[in-house]
Amino acid sequence: MVLPIIAYGNPVLRKVGTEIPPIILNSKH
């Protein structure tokens, strides 16, 4: 998924990504 990349580009999504960091890490693996 490209969620982490979008989060880096958008500050709003970045905040959401910081609230659910484990989910992104699990998706990346």
N, C-alpha and C. Protein backbone atom coordinates (compact mmCIF):
# COMPACT_ATOMS: atom_id res chain seq x y z
N MET A 1 0.84 -1.21 0.00
CA MET A 1 0.00 0.00 0.00
C MET A 1 0.88 1.26 0.00
N VAL A 2 0.31 2.35 -0.50
CA VAL A 2 1.07 3.60 -0.58
C VAL A 2 0.61 4.56 0.51
N LEU A 3 0.09 4.01 1.60
CA LEU A 3 -0.40 4.87 2.68
C LEU A 3 0.71 5.70 3.30
N PRO A 4 1.86 5.11 3.59
CA PRO A 4 2.95 5.87 4.21
C PRO A 4 3.44 7.00 3.32
N ILE A 5 3.49 6.76 2.01
CA ILE A 5 3.96 7.79 1.08
C ILE A 5 2.98 8.96 1.06
N ILE A 6 1.68 8.65 1.00
CA ILE A 6 0.66 9.71 1.00
C ILE A 6 0.72 10.49 2.30
N ALA A 7 0.93 9.78 3.39
CA ALA A 7 0.99 10.44 4.70
C ALA A 7 2.15 11.43 4.74
N TYR A 8 3.25 11.07 4.10
CA TYR A 8 4.41 11.96 4.09
C TYR A 8 4.11 13.22 3.29
N GLY A 9 3.30 13.06 2.23
CA GLY A 9 2.96 14.21 1.38
C GLY A 9 1.89 15.07 2.02
N ASN A 10 0.95 14.45 2.72
CA ASN A 10 -0.13 15.21 3.34
C ASN A 10 0.04 15.24 4.85
N PRO A 11 0.05 16.45 5.43
CA PRO A 11 0.21 16.59 6.88
C PRO A 11 -1.00 16.05 7.64
N VAL A 12 -2.18 16.20 7.03
CA VAL A 12 -3.40 15.71 7.69
C VAL A 12 -3.35 14.19 7.81
N LEU A 13 -3.02 13.53 6.70
CA LEU A 13 -2.94 12.07 6.73
C LEU A 13 -1.78 11.63 7.60
N ARG A 14 -0.75 12.49 7.65
CA ARG A 14 0.42 12.15 8.47
C ARG A 14 0.02 12.00 9.92
N LYS A 15 -0.89 12.86 10.40
CA LYS A 15 -1.35 12.78 11.79
C LYS A 15 -2.09 11.46 12.01
N VAL A 16 -2.89 11.07 11.02
CA VAL A 16 -3.62 9.81 11.15
C VAL A 16 -2.64 8.65 11.17
N GLY A 17 -1.58 8.77 10.38
CA GLY A 17 -0.57 7.71 10.32
C GLY A 17 0.16 7.56 11.64
N THR A 18 0.34 8.68 12.34
CA THR A 18 1.04 8.62 13.62
C THR A 18 0.16 7.97 14.67
N GLU A 19 -1.16 8.04 14.46
CA GLU A 19 -2.08 7.42 15.43
C GLU A 19 -2.13 5.92 15.23
N ILE A 20 -1.84 5.47 13.99
CA ILE A 20 -1.89 4.03 13.72
C ILE A 20 -0.60 3.57 13.04
N PRO A 21 0.55 3.78 13.70
CA PRO A 21 1.83 3.37 13.12
C PRO A 21 1.99 1.86 12.98
N PRO A 22 1.45 1.07 13.91
CA PRO A 22 1.60 -0.39 13.82
C PRO A 22 0.91 -0.95 12.59
N ILE A 23 -0.22 -0.36 12.20
CA ILE A 23 -0.96 -0.85 11.03
C ILE A 23 -0.12 -0.67 9.77
N ILE A 24 0.51 0.50 9.64
CA ILE A 24 1.33 0.77 8.46
C ILE A 24 2.52 -0.19 8.43
N LEU A 25 3.13 -0.39 9.59
CA LEU A 25 4.29 -1.29 9.66
C LEU A 25 3.88 -2.70 9.28
N ASN A 26 2.71 -3.12 9.73
CA ASN A 26 2.25 -4.47 9.41
C ASN A 26 1.96 -4.60 7.93
N SER A 27 1.41 -3.55 7.33
CA SER A 27 1.08 -3.58 5.90
C SER A 27 2.36 -3.61 5.06
N LYS A 28 3.38 -2.89 5.53
CA LYS A 28 4.62 -2.85 4.77
C LYS A 28 5.31 -4.21 4.79
N HIS A 29 5.23 -4.90 5.90
CA HIS A 29 5.90 -6.21 5.98
C HIS A 29 5.16 -7.22 5.12
